[in-house]
Amino acid sequence: MALFKKRTVGKPGEWYYCLEHQKVEEGPDCPGKDRFGPYASRVEAERAMQTAQDRNLEWDTDPRWHDRKGGAEESG
């Protein structure tokens, strides 16, 4: 007997981007490990990969996320 029920149907208006199938889905059709979301709209879900890329670039260039030694940034 499973301790947790697998949620098979999403709430109306929940949009996800499936990384495995590279498509937008309404409701969680694929496992959580394979998707981004939920998003409030289909358009937001369609932009999921661009949003992730923009955030990664933001984080990669944010000086607050880089350790410094002696005031100089370390090279990787």
PDB file of N, CA and C in Angstrom:
ATOM      1  N   MET A   1       0.849  -1.178   0.000  1.00  0.00           N
ATOM      2  CA  MET A   1       0.000   0.000   0.000  1.00  0.00           C
ATOM      3  C   MET A   1       0.892   1.238   0.000  1.00  0.00           C
ATOM      4  N   ALA A   2       0.643   2.132  -0.922  1.00  0.00           N
ATOM      5  CA  ALA A   2       1.449   3.349  -1.044  1.00  0.00           C
ATOM      6  C   ALA A   2       1.088   4.331   0.055  1.00  0.00           C
ATOM      7  N   LEU A   3       2.108   5.007   0.554  1.00  0.00           N
ATOM      8  CA  LEU A   3       1.865   6.017   1.579  1.00  0.00           C
ATOM      9  C   LEU A   3       1.289   7.294   0.991  1.00  0.00           C
ATOM     10  N   PHE A   4       1.651   7.588  -0.238  1.00  0.00           N
ATOM     11  CA  PHE A   4       1.180   8.798  -0.881  1.00  0.00           C
ATOM     12  C   PHE A   4       0.483   8.444  -2.183  1.00  0.00           C
ATOM     13  N   LYS A   5      -0.621   9.085  -2.427  1.00  0.00           N
ATOM     14  CA  LYS A   5      -1.329   8.865  -3.675  1.00  0.00           C
ATOM     15  C   LYS A   5      -0.647   9.664  -4.777  1.00  0.00           C
ATOM     16  N   LYS A   6      -0.517   9.070  -5.933  1.00  0.00           N
ATOM     17  CA  LYS A   6       0.029   9.781  -7.070  1.00  0.00           C
ATOM     18  C   LYS A   6      -1.076  10.668  -7.638  1.00  0.00           C
ATOM     19  N   ARG A   7      -0.761  11.949  -7.714  1.00  0.00           N
ATOM     20  CA  ARG A   7      -1.739  12.882  -8.255  1.00  0.00           C
ATOM     21  C   ARG A   7      -1.719  12.750  -9.769  1.00  0.00           C
ATOM     22  N   THR A   8      -2.809  12.304 -10.335  1.00  0.00           N
ATOM     23  CA  THR A   8      -2.832  12.058 -11.770  1.00  0.00           C
ATOM     24  C   THR A   8      -3.469  13.201 -12.549  1.00  0.00           C
ATOM     25  N   VAL A   9      -4.255  14.017 -11.896  1.00  0.00           N
ATOM     26  CA  VAL A   9      -4.934  15.103 -12.583  1.00  0.00           C
ATOM     27  C   VAL A   9      -4.560  16.418 -11.923  1.00  0.00           C
ATOM     28  N   GLY A  10      -4.180  17.386 -12.734  1.00  0.00           N
ATOM     29  CA  GLY A  10      -3.830  18.695 -12.203  1.00  0.00           C
ATOM     30  C   GLY A  10      -5.059  19.548 -11.981  1.00  0.00           C
ATOM     31  N   LYS A  11      -4.835  20.649 -11.304  1.00  0.00           N
ATOM     32  CA  LYS A  11      -5.921  21.606 -11.118  1.00  0.00           C
ATOM     33  C   LYS A  11      -6.133  22.340 -12.434  1.00  0.00           C
ATOM     34  N   PRO A  12      -7.359  22.717 -12.731  1.00  0.00           N
ATOM     35  CA  PRO A  12      -7.599  23.487 -13.956  1.00  0.00           C
ATOM     36  C   PRO A  12      -6.762  24.760 -13.946  1.00  0.00           C
ATOM     37  N   GLY A  13      -6.122  25.030 -15.059  1.00  0.00           N
ATOM     38  CA  GLY A  13      -5.306  26.224 -15.170  1.00  0.00           C
ATOM     39  C   GLY A  13      -3.869  26.056 -14.737  1.00  0.00           C
ATOM     40  N   GLU A  14      -3.457  24.860 -14.300  1.00  0.00           N
ATOM     41  CA  GLU A  14      -2.055  24.599 -13.975  1.00  0.00           C
ATOM     42  C   GLU A  14      -1.360  24.119 -15.236  1.00  0.00           C
ATOM     43  N   TRP A  15      -0.298  24.812 -15.608  1.00  0.00           N
ATOM     44  CA  TRP A  15       0.442  24.468 -16.808  1.00  0.00           C
ATOM     45  C   TRP A  15       1.861  24.062 -16.443  1.00  0.00           C
ATOM     46  N   TYR A  16       2.382  23.076 -17.151  1.00  0.00           N
ATOM     47  CA  TYR A  16       3.711  22.545 -16.908  1.00  0.00           C
ATOM     48  C   TYR A  16       4.465  22.438 -18.226  1.00  0.00           C
ATOM     49  N   TYR A  17       5.791  22.437 -18.133  1.00  0.00           N
ATOM     50  CA  TYR A  17       6.620  22.166 -19.302  1.00  0.00           C
ATOM     51  C   TYR A  17       7.318  20.847 -19.037  1.00  0.00           C
ATOM     52  N   CYS A  18       7.075  19.854 -19.883  1.00  0.00           N
ATOM     53  CA  CYS A  18       7.685  18.531 -19.738  1.00  0.00           C
ATOM     54  C   CYS A  18       9.051  18.541 -20.412  1.00  0.00           C
ATOM     55  N   LEU A  19      10.081  18.265 -19.621  1.00  0.00           N
ATOM     56  CA  LEU A  19      11.448  18.254 -20.128  1.00  0.00           C
ATOM     57  C   LEU A  19      11.714  17.041 -21.015  1.00  0.00           C
ATOM     58  N   GLU A  20      11.073  15.930 -20.717  1.00  0.00           N
ATOM     59  CA  GLU A  20      11.296  14.704 -21.494  1.00  0.00           C
ATOM     60  C   GLU A  20      10.665  14.806 -22.887  1.00  0.00           C
ATOM     61  N   HIS A  21       9.416  15.286 -22.931  1.00  0.00           N
ATOM     62  CA  HIS A  21       8.693  15.365 -24.201  1.00  0.00           C
ATOM     63  C   HIS A  21       8.832  16.728 -24.877  1.00  0.00           C
ATOM     64  N   GLN A  22       9.419  17.685 -24.162  1.00  0.00           N
ATOM     65  CA  GLN A  22       9.622  19.047 -24.657  1.00  0.00           C
ATOM     66  C   GLN A  22       8.328  19.656 -25.174  1.00  0.00           C
ATOM     67  N   LYS A  23       7.314  19.592 -24.294  1.00  0.00           N
ATOM     68  CA  LYS A  23       6.017  20.171 -24.664  1.00  0.00           C
ATOM     69  C   LYS A  23       5.303  20.682 -23.424  1.00  0.00           C
ATOM     70  N   VAL A  24       4.333  21.530 -23.659  1.00  0.00           N
ATOM     71  CA  VAL A  24       3.515  22.104 -22.596  1.00  0.00           C
ATOM     72  C   VAL A  24       2.350  21.163 -22.320  1.00  0.00           C
ATOM     73  N   GLU A  25       2.055  20.985 -21.022  1.00  0.00           N
ATOM     74  CA  GLU A  25       0.949  20.115 -20.618  1.00  0.00           C
ATOM     75  C   GLU A  25       0.071  20.843 -19.610  1.00  0.00           C
ATOM     76  N   GLU A  26      -1.215  20.646 -19.714  1.00  0.00           N
ATOM     77  CA  GLU A  26      -2.106  21.171 -18.686  1.00  0.00           C
ATOM     78  C   GLU A  26      -2.289  20.057 -17.674  1.00  0.00           C
ATOM     79  N   GLY A  27      -1.917  20.352 -16.444  1.00  0.00           N
ATOM     80  CA  GLY A  27      -1.942  19.322 -15.408  1.00  0.00           C
ATOM     81  C   GLY A  27      -0.673  18.501 -15.467  1.00  0.00           C
ATOM     82  N   PRO A  28      -0.312  17.867 -14.364  1.00  0.00           N
ATOM     83  CA  PRO A  28       0.939  17.103 -14.332  1.00  0.00           C
ATOM     84  C   PRO A  28       0.794  15.728 -14.963  1.00  0.00           C
ATOM     85  N   ASP A  29       0.992  15.648 -16.269  1.00  0.00           N
ATOM     86  CA  ASP A  29       0.913  14.349 -16.955  1.00  0.00           C
ATOM     87  C   ASP A  29       2.163  13.516 -16.717  1.00  0.00           C
ATOM     88  N   CYS A  30       3.306  14.176 -16.580  1.00  0.00           N
ATOM     89  CA  CYS A  30       4.589  13.475 -16.421  1.00  0.00           C
ATOM     90  C   CYS A  30       5.085  13.621 -14.980  1.00  0.00           C
ATOM     91  N   PRO A  31       6.014  12.757 -14.554  1.00  0.00           N
ATOM     92  CA  PRO A  31       6.541  12.829 -13.185  1.00  0.00           C
ATOM     93  C   PRO A  31       7.206  14.176 -12.899  1.00  0.00           C
ATOM     94  N   GLY A  32       7.196  14.562 -11.644  1.00  0.00           N
ATOM     95  CA  GLY A  32       7.755  15.835 -11.216  1.00  0.00           C
ATOM     96  C   GLY A  32       9.214  16.026 -11.610  1.00  0.00           C
ATOM     97  N   LYS A  33       9.978  14.947 -11.651  1.00  0.00           N
ATOM     98  CA  LYS A  33      11.400  15.040 -12.004  1.00  0.00           C
ATOM     99  C   LYS A  33      11.598  15.438 -13.457  1.00  0.00           C
ATOM    100  N   ASP A  34      10.551  15.327 -14.265  1.00  0.00           N
ATOM    101  CA  ASP A  34      10.648  15.609 -15.696  1.00  0.00           C
ATOM    102  C   ASP A  34       9.929  16.882 -16.119  1.00  0.00           C
ATOM    103  N   ARG A  35       9.580  17.753 -15.169  1.00  0.00           N
ATOM    104  CA  ARG A  35       8.807  18.925 -15.578  1.00  0.00           C
ATOM    105  C   ARG A  35       9.154  20.172 -14.776  1.00  0.00           C
ATOM    106  N   PHE A  36       8.869  21.322 -15.369  1.00  0.00           N
ATOM    107  CA  PHE A  36       8.927  22.620 -14.701  1.00  0.00           C
ATOM    108  C   PHE A  36       7.487  23.071 -14.507  1.00  0.00           C
ATOM    109  N   GLY A  37       7.230  23.751 -13.414  1.00  0.00           N
ATOM    110  CA  GLY A  37       5.895  24.309 -13.198  1.00  0.00           C
ATOM    111  C   GLY A  37       5.428  24.061 -11.796  1.00  0.00           C
ATOM    112  N   PRO A  38       4.235  24.445 -11.461  1.00  0.00           N
ATOM    113  CA  PRO A  38       3.193  24.912 -12.372  1.00  0.00           C
ATOM    114  C   PRO A  38       3.359  26.384 -12.733  1.00  0.00           C
ATOM    115  N   TYR A  39       2.834  26.717 -13.894  1.00  0.00           N
ATOM    116  CA  TYR A  39       2.773  28.089 -14.384  1.00  0.00           C
ATOM    117  C   TYR A  39       1.317  28.512 -14.445  1.00  0.00           C
ATOM    118  N   ALA A  40       1.092  29.806 -14.363  1.00  0.00           N
ATOM    119  CA  ALA A  40      -0.270  30.343 -14.353  1.00  0.00           C
ATOM    120  C   ALA A  40      -0.922  30.315 -15.725  1.00  0.00           C
ATOM    121  N   SER A  41      -0.112  30.276 -16.780  1.00  0.00           N
ATOM    122  CA  SER A  41      -0.689  30.284 -18.127  1.00  0.00           C
ATOM    123  C   SER A  41       0.119  29.398 -19.062  1.00  0.00           C
ATOM    124  N   ARG A  42      -0.489  29.066 -20.175  1.00  0.00           N
ATOM    125  CA  ARG A  42       0.178  28.261 -21.197  1.00  0.00           C
ATOM    126  C   ARG A  42       1.393  29.004 -21.752  1.00  0.00           C
ATOM    127  N   VAL A  43       1.248  30.316 -21.930  1.00  0.00           N
ATOM    128  CA  VAL A  43       2.332  31.132 -22.474  1.00  0.00           C
ATOM    129  C   VAL A  43       3.553  31.099 -21.551  1.00  0.00           C
ATOM    130  N   GLU A  44       3.330  31.202 -20.232  1.00  0.00           N
ATOM    131  CA  GLU A  44       4.444  31.114 -19.280  1.00  0.00           C
ATOM    132  C   GLU A  44       5.126  29.752 -19.378  1.00  0.00           C
ATOM    133  N   ALA A  45       4.339  28.694 -19.485  1.00  0.00           N
ATOM    134  CA  ALA A  45       4.904  27.342 -19.593  1.00  0.00           C
ATOM    135  C   ALA A  45       5.693  27.181 -20.890  1.00  0.00           C
ATOM    136  N   GLU A  46       5.217  27.789 -21.979  1.00  0.00           N
ATOM    137  CA  GLU A  46       5.930  27.715 -23.253  1.00  0.00           C
ATOM    138  C   GLU A  46       7.299  28.388 -23.163  1.00  0.00           C
ATOM    139  N   ARG A  47       7.434  29.373 -22.289  1.00  0.00           N
ATOM    140  CA  ARG A  47       8.694  30.102 -22.109  1.00  0.00           C
ATOM    141  C   ARG A  47       9.565  29.493 -21.011  1.00  0.00           C
ATOM    142  N   ALA A  48       9.221  28.333 -20.506  1.00  0.00           N
ATOM    143  CA  ALA A  48       9.920  27.731 -19.367  1.00  0.00           C
ATOM    144  C   ALA A  48      11.420  27.600 -19.591  1.00  0.00           C
ATOM    145  N   MET A  49      11.830  27.118 -20.741  1.00  0.00           N
ATOM    146  CA  MET A  49      13.257  26.914 -20.992  1.00  0.00           C
ATOM    147  C   MET A  49      13.991  28.255 -21.089  1.00  0.00           C
ATOM    148  N   GLN A  50      13.369  29.260 -21.709  1.00  0.00           N
ATOM    149  CA  GLN A  50      13.982  30.583 -21.796  1.00  0.00           C
ATOM    150  C   GLN A  50      14.065  31.214 -20.411  1.00  0.00           C
ATOM    151  N   THR A  51      13.024  31.045 -19.602  1.00  0.00           N
ATOM    152  CA  THR A  51      13.022  31.567 -18.237  1.00  0.00           C
ATOM    153  C   THR A  51      14.147  30.927 -17.431  1.00  0.00           C
ATOM    154  N   ALA A  52      14.313  29.614 -17.554  1.00  0.00           N
ATOM    155  CA  ALA A  52      15.381  28.909 -16.838  1.00  0.00           C
ATOM    156  C   ALA A  52      16.750  29.402 -17.303  1.00  0.00           C
ATOM    157  N   GLN A  53      16.920  29.588 -18.597  1.00  0.00           N
ATOM    158  CA  GLN A  53      18.192  30.073 -19.134  1.00  0.00           C
ATOM    159  C   GLN A  53      18.488  31.484 -18.616  1.00  0.00           C
ATOM    160  N   ASP A  54      17.482  32.344 -18.604  1.00  0.00           N
ATOM    161  CA  ASP A  54      17.657  33.713 -18.096  1.00  0.00           C
ATOM    162  C   ASP A  54      18.040  33.710 -16.624  1.00  0.00           C
ATOM    163  N   ARG A  55      17.378  32.870 -15.836  1.00  0.00           N
ATOM    164  CA  ARG A  55      17.683  32.792 -14.398  1.00  0.00           C
ATOM    165  C   ARG A  55      19.080  32.240 -14.154  1.00  0.00           C
ATOM    166  N   ASN A  56      19.462  31.228 -14.915  1.00  0.00           N
ATOM    167  CA  ASN A  56      20.810  30.668 -14.765  1.00  0.00           C
ATOM    168  C   ASN A  56      21.874  31.720 -15.063  1.00  0.00           C
ATOM    169  N   LEU A  57      21.675  32.492 -16.120  1.00  0.00           N
ATOM    170  CA  LEU A  57      22.619  33.551 -16.458  1.00  0.00           C
ATOM    171  C   LEU A  57      22.675  34.593 -15.343  1.00  0.00           C
ATOM    172  N   GLU A  58      21.508  34.952 -14.820  1.00  0.00           N
ATOM    173  CA  GLU A  58      21.432  35.908 -13.712  1.00  0.00           C
ATOM    174  C   GLU A  58      22.230  35.410 -12.508  1.00  0.00           C
ATOM    175  N   TRP A  59      22.027  34.150 -12.144  1.00  0.00           N
ATOM    176  CA  TRP A  59      22.717  33.568 -10.987  1.00  0.00           C
ATOM    177  C   TRP A  59      24.216  33.414 -11.251  1.00  0.00           C
ATOM    178  N   ASP A  60      24.574  33.027 -12.466  1.00  0.00           N
ATOM    179  CA  ASP A  60      25.988  32.848 -12.799  1.00  0.00           C
ATOM    180  C   ASP A  60      26.765  34.157 -12.741  1.00  0.00           C
ATOM    181  N   THR A  61      26.091  35.258 -12.983  1.00  0.00           N
ATOM    182  CA  THR A  61      26.773  36.554 -13.002  1.00  0.00           C
ATOM    183  C   THR A  61      26.518  37.378 -11.751  1.00  0.00           C
ATOM    184  N   ASP A  62      25.831  36.828 -10.777  1.00  0.00           N
ATOM    185  CA  ASP A  62      25.540  37.543  -9.530  1.00  0.00           C
ATOM    186  C   ASP A  62      26.736  37.409  -8.585  1.00  0.00           C
ATOM    187  N   PRO A  63      27.385  38.524  -8.262  1.00  0.00           N
ATOM    188  CA  PRO A  63      28.578  38.440  -7.405  1.00  0.00           C
ATOM    189  C   PRO A  63      28.291  37.918  -5.998  1.00  0.00           C
ATOM    190  N   ARG A  64      27.059  37.981  -5.551  1.00  0.00           N
ATOM    191  CA  ARG A  64      26.728  37.465  -4.213  1.00  0.00           C
ATOM    192  C   ARG A  64      26.828  35.946  -4.138  1.00  0.00           C
ATOM    193  N   TRP A  65      26.855  35.255  -5.280  1.00  0.00           N
ATOM    194  CA  TRP A  65      26.905  33.790  -5.300  1.00  0.00           C
ATOM    195  C   TRP A  65      28.304  33.253  -5.520  1.00  0.00           C
ATOM    196  N   HIS A  66      29.289  34.125  -5.604  1.00  0.00           N
ATOM    197  CA  HIS A  66      30.662  33.681  -5.851  1.00  0.00           C
ATOM    198  C   HIS A  66      31.508  33.932  -4.615  1.00  0.00           C
ATOM    199  N   ASP A  67      32.229  32.900  -4.183  1.00  0.00           N
ATOM    200  CA  ASP A  67      33.145  33.044  -3.027  1.00  0.00           C
ATOM    201  C   ASP A  67      34.352  33.860  -3.445  1.00  0.00           C
ATOM    202  N   ARG A  68      34.824  34.656  -2.524  1.00  0.00           N
ATOM    203  CA  ARG A  68      36.009  35.475  -2.828  1.00  0.00           C
ATOM    204  C   ARG A  68      37.082  35.192  -1.784  1.00  0.00           C
ATOM    205  N   LYS A  69      38.334  35.176  -2.223  1.00  0.00           N
ATOM    206  CA  LYS A  69      39.477  35.049  -1.333  1.00  0.00           C
ATOM    207  C   LYS A  69      40.285  36.328  -1.432  1.00  0.00           C
ATOM    208  N   GLY A  70      40.509  36.969  -0.307  1.00  0.00           N
ATOM    209  CA  GLY A  70      41.344  38.165  -0.306  1.00  0.00           C
ATOM    210  C   GLY A  70      40.819  39.279  -1.177  1.00  0.00           C
ATOM    211  N   GLY A  71      39.492  39.327  -1.380  1.00  0.00           N
ATOM    212  CA  GLY A  71      38.883  40.383  -2.159  1.00  0.00           C
ATOM    213  C   GLY A  71      38.892  40.139  -3.652  1.00  0.00           C
ATOM    214  N   ALA A  72      39.568  39.097  -4.116  1.00  0.00           N
ATOM    215  CA  ALA A  72      39.599  38.805  -5.557  1.00  0.00           C
ATOM    216  C   ALA A  72      38.765  37.553  -5.823  1.00  0.00           C
ATOM    217  N   GLU A  73      38.069  37.565  -6.927  1.00  0.00           N
ATOM    218  CA  GLU A  73      37.226  36.418  -7.279  1.00  0.00           C
ATOM    219  C   GLU A  73      38.100  35.251  -7.735  1.00  0.00           C
ATOM    220  N   GLU A  74      37.761  34.061  -7.256  1.00  0.00           N
ATOM    221  CA  GLU A  74      38.515  32.863  -7.633  1.00  0.00           C
ATOM    222  C   GLU A  74      38.217  32.503  -9.067  1.00  0.00           C
ATOM    223  N   SER A  75      39.190  31.968  -9.754  1.00  0.00           N
ATOM    224  CA  SER A  75      38.926  31.455 -11.097  1.00  0.00           C
ATOM    225  C   SER A  75      38.735  29.949 -11.000  1.00  0.00           C
ATOM    226  N   GLY A  76      37.764  29.432 -11.779  1.00  0.00           N
ATOM    227  CA  GLY A  76      37.303  28.096 -11.659  1.00  0.00           C
ATOM    228  C   GLY A  76      38.119  27.043 -12.194  1.00  0.00           C
TER     229      GLY A  76
END
